[in-house]
Amino acid sequence: MSELLVDLIDDLKKTNSGHILYHYDQIDCYLQNAVTYIVAGVENGGHVMFVENDRNLPHIKKELDKHLSKAECARVHFANNFDFYYSNGNFNPETVINYFIKNVQPYLESGAAVFTWVLVEWGNVKEYIPKIEEYEKKLDKMVPEKGIISLCAYDNKSTPDELKERLKRCHGVLITDREYKYLQN
């Protein structure tokens, strides 16, 4: 998928934005794709906001050191996904969107391309389905307005079918560990 992911990013750059849904099955593919996405974003002159859990970050940072210079690594901005989604103490779509904008705005104002990768993880996901959908709809509207390429990653095995269907309506592209396809919004 890594080469296909680079091709997809190149394709989305032509339209200056994209909202990608990534349903992953294998953690090794996920980690490889995460590194590929970051490197492609940096190599395209952009800043990358990377929102991830603490379990995966050490591996990803170690791999990035093999591919990026110190100056390039300075354009990768990491955040813990729990802190990102609960920045105000609870998950509120409006608050998270505002936090998101606040974090990417300086890079947008500088004229740089902005790429984001967000790992979405929930405990009792069914309880959050309406709020997740609301958040993703707001993000889907904001991404083209701001000219951002944004990827939202979900573990395929722990994402209920009801949420998968709702998420497909909020994203322009669906990728898996091995392929991608454009969705009709």
Protein backbone atom coordinates (compact mmCIF):
# COMPACT_ATOMS: atom_id res chain seq x y z
CA MET A 1 0.00 0.00 0.00
CA SER A 2 2.88 2.39 0.67
CA GLU A 3 3.47 3.22 -3.01
CA LEU A 4 -0.27 3.50 -3.59
CA LEU A 5 -0.53 5.86 -0.62
CA VAL A 6 2.13 8.14 -2.15
CA ASP A 7 0.20 8.07 -5.46
CA LEU A 8 -3.02 8.94 -3.63
CA ILE A 9 -1.38 11.88 -1.85
CA ASP A 10 -0.01 13.14 -5.18
CA ASP A 11 -3.49 12.85 -6.68
CA LEU A 12 -5.16 14.67 -3.76
CA LYS A 13 -2.57 17.47 -3.90
CA LYS A 14 -3.96 18.38 -7.34
CA THR A 15 -7.28 19.27 -5.71
CA ASN A 16 -5.51 20.81 -2.72
CA SER A 17 -7.39 18.68 -0.18
CA GLY A 18 -8.70 15.27 0.72
CA HIS A 19 -10.47 13.50 3.55
CA ILE A 20 -9.28 9.89 3.81
CA LEU A 21 -10.83 7.07 5.83
CA TYR A 22 -8.34 4.32 6.70
CA HIS A 23 -9.74 1.01 8.00
CA TYR A 24 -6.67 -0.99 8.98
CA ASP A 25 -6.46 -4.67 9.89
CA GLN A 26 -2.76 -5.30 10.49
CA ILE A 27 -0.68 -3.17 12.81
CA ASP A 28 2.52 -3.70 10.80
CA CYS A 29 0.82 -2.35 7.65
CA TYR A 30 -0.66 0.48 9.68
CA LEU A 31 2.75 1.52 11.03
CA GLN A 32 4.38 1.31 7.60
CA ASN A 33 1.59 3.40 6.06
CA ALA A 34 1.87 5.95 8.87
CA VAL A 35 5.58 6.43 8.19
CA THR A 36 4.96 6.61 4.43
CA TYR A 37 2.26 9.25 4.93
CA ILE A 38 4.47 11.41 7.14
CA VAL A 39 7.46 11.16 4.80
CA ALA A 40 5.29 11.98 1.76
CA GLY A 41 3.81 15.00 3.54
CA VAL A 42 7.22 16.34 4.49
CA GLU A 43 8.71 15.62 1.06
CA ASN A 44 5.84 17.61 -0.44
CA GLY A 45 7.00 20.61 1.61
CA GLY A 46 4.26 20.30 4.18
CA HIS A 47 3.79 20.17 7.89
CA VAL A 48 2.30 16.97 9.30
CA MET A 49 0.09 16.95 12.37
CA PHE A 50 0.26 13.35 13.59
CA VAL A 51 -2.19 12.28 16.30
CA GLU A 52 -1.36 8.82 17.63
CA ASN A 53 -1.37 6.62 20.71
CA ASP A 54 1.65 6.22 22.97
CA ARG A 55 2.08 2.55 22.02
CA ASN A 56 2.80 3.26 18.35
CA LEU A 57 4.74 6.54 18.58
CA PRO A 58 8.17 5.09 19.53
CA HIS A 59 8.18 2.75 16.53
CA ILE A 60 7.03 5.47 14.14
CA LYS A 61 9.58 8.01 15.42
CA LYS A 62 12.38 5.42 15.13
CA GLU A 63 11.42 4.72 11.50
CA LEU A 64 11.17 8.43 10.69
CA ASP A 65 14.74 8.95 11.87
CA LYS A 66 15.81 6.63 9.04
CA HIS A 67 13.98 8.67 6.38
CA LEU A 68 13.98 12.32 7.46
CA SER A 69 16.64 14.86 8.38
CA LYS A 70 16.47 16.75 11.65
CA ALA A 71 15.08 19.80 9.81
CA GLU A 72 12.44 17.66 8.13
CA CYS A 73 11.49 16.04 11.45
CA ALA A 74 10.85 19.54 12.80
CA ARG A 75 7.88 19.74 10.40
CA VAL A 76 6.22 16.72 12.02
CA HIS A 77 4.07 17.66 15.01
CA PHE A 78 2.97 14.87 17.33
CA ALA A 79 -0.01 14.77 19.67
CA ASN A 80 -1.43 12.02 21.85
CA ASN A 81 -4.81 10.93 20.48
CA PHE A 82 -6.43 10.73 23.92
CA ASP A 83 -5.31 14.29 24.72
CA PHE A 84 -6.45 15.45 21.28
CA TYR A 85 -9.98 14.08 21.58
CA TYR A 86 -10.44 14.91 25.24
CA SER A 87 -8.68 18.30 25.22
CA ASN A 88 -11.64 19.75 27.09
CA GLY A 89 -12.24 16.81 29.43
CA ASN A 90 -14.83 15.09 27.23
CA PHE A 91 -15.38 14.39 23.54
CA ASN A 92 -17.18 17.34 22.03
CA PRO A 93 -17.00 17.57 18.21
CA GLU A 94 -16.98 21.38 18.17
CA THR A 95 -14.21 21.58 20.77
CA VAL A 96 -12.08 19.02 18.93
CA ILE A 97 -12.49 20.85 15.60
CA ASN A 98 -11.48 24.14 17.25
CA TYR A 99 -8.45 22.45 18.84
CA PHE A 100 -7.58 20.97 15.45
CA ILE A 101 -7.81 24.35 13.69
CA LYS A 102 -5.78 26.07 16.41
CA ASN A 103 -2.98 23.53 15.92
CA VAL A 104 -2.80 23.71 12.11
CA GLN A 105 -3.57 27.42 11.60
CA PRO A 106 0.05 28.65 11.95
CA TYR A 107 1.16 26.30 9.15
CA LEU A 108 -1.76 27.28 6.94
CA GLU A 109 -0.97 30.97 7.49
CA SER A 110 2.65 30.35 6.47
CA GLY A 111 1.40 28.97 3.15
CA ALA A 112 2.68 25.46 3.80
CA ALA A 113 0.75 22.37 2.81
CA VAL A 114 -0.84 20.66 5.82
CA PHE A 115 -1.27 16.93 6.22
CA THR A 116 -2.95 15.35 9.21
CA TRP A 117 -3.14 11.75 10.43
CA VAL A 118 -5.43 10.95 13.33
CA LEU A 119 -5.82 7.55 14.95
CA VAL A 120 -9.37 7.34 16.30
CA GLU A 121 -9.77 4.95 19.23
CA TRP A 122 -12.75 4.59 21.53
CA GLY A 123 -13.75 2.39 24.43
CA ASN A 124 -17.48 1.86 24.04
CA VAL A 125 -17.67 3.07 20.46
CA LYS A 126 -21.43 2.56 20.01
CA GLU A 127 -22.10 5.25 22.59
CA TYR A 128 -20.03 7.72 20.53
CA ILE A 129 -21.33 6.94 17.02
CA PRO A 130 -23.49 10.10 16.64
CA LYS A 131 -20.71 12.33 17.99
CA ILE A 132 -18.06 10.69 15.79
CA GLU A 133 -20.27 11.19 12.75
CA GLU A 134 -20.86 14.84 13.69
CA TYR A 135 -17.10 15.39 14.11
CA GLU A 136 -16.28 13.68 10.80
CA LYS A 137 -18.93 15.72 8.93
CA LYS A 138 -17.49 18.95 10.33
CA LEU A 139 -14.00 17.82 9.39
CA ASP A 140 -15.16 16.83 5.90
CA LYS A 141 -16.49 20.36 5.36
CA MET A 142 -13.42 22.08 6.85
CA VAL A 143 -10.74 20.06 5.00
CA PRO A 144 -11.43 21.51 1.52
CA GLU A 145 -12.03 24.99 2.96
CA LYS A 146 -8.56 24.95 4.54
CA GLY A 147 -6.78 22.97 1.80
CA ILE A 148 -5.76 20.11 4.10
CA ILE A 149 -5.14 16.46 3.32
CA SER A 150 -6.48 14.62 6.35
CA LEU A 151 -6.46 10.90 7.15
CA CYS A 152 -8.62 9.36 9.88
CA ALA A 153 -7.54 5.84 10.89
CA TYR A 154 -9.88 3.32 12.50
CA ASP A 155 -9.18 -0.28 13.53
CA ASN A 156 -11.40 -2.26 11.16
CA LYS A 157 -12.02 -5.04 13.68
CA SER A 158 -13.25 -2.77 16.48
CA THR A 159 -15.32 -0.38 14.35
CA PRO A 160 -19.00 -1.37 14.29
CA ASP A 161 -20.61 -1.79 10.84
CA GLU A 162 -23.05 1.04 11.60
CA LEU A 163 -20.17 3.44 12.16
CA LYS A 164 -18.28 2.18 9.07
CA GLU A 165 -21.27 3.05 6.90
CA ARG A 166 -21.63 6.50 8.45
CA LEU A 167 -17.90 7.16 8.05
CA LYS A 168 -18.00 6.30 4.35
CA ARG A 169 -20.50 9.14 3.88
CA CYS A 170 -18.10 11.61 5.54
CA HIS A 171 -14.93 10.83 3.55
CA GLY A 172 -13.90 11.10 -0.08
CA VAL A 173 -11.48 8.16 -0.08
CA LEU A 174 -11.42 4.78 1.66
CA ILE A 175 -8.12 2.98 2.11
CA THR A 176 -7.28 -0.37 3.63
CA ASP A 177 -3.92 -1.97 4.32
CA ARG A 178 -3.66 -2.91 0.64
CA GLU A 179 -5.77 -0.61 -1.58
CA TYR A 180 -7.78 2.58 -1.91
CA LYS A 181 -10.93 3.73 -3.68
CA TYR A 182 -12.77 6.99 -4.08
CA LEU A 183 -16.17 7.19 -2.40
CA GLN A 184 -19.28 9.01 -3.53
CA ASN A 185 -20.20 11.66 -0.97
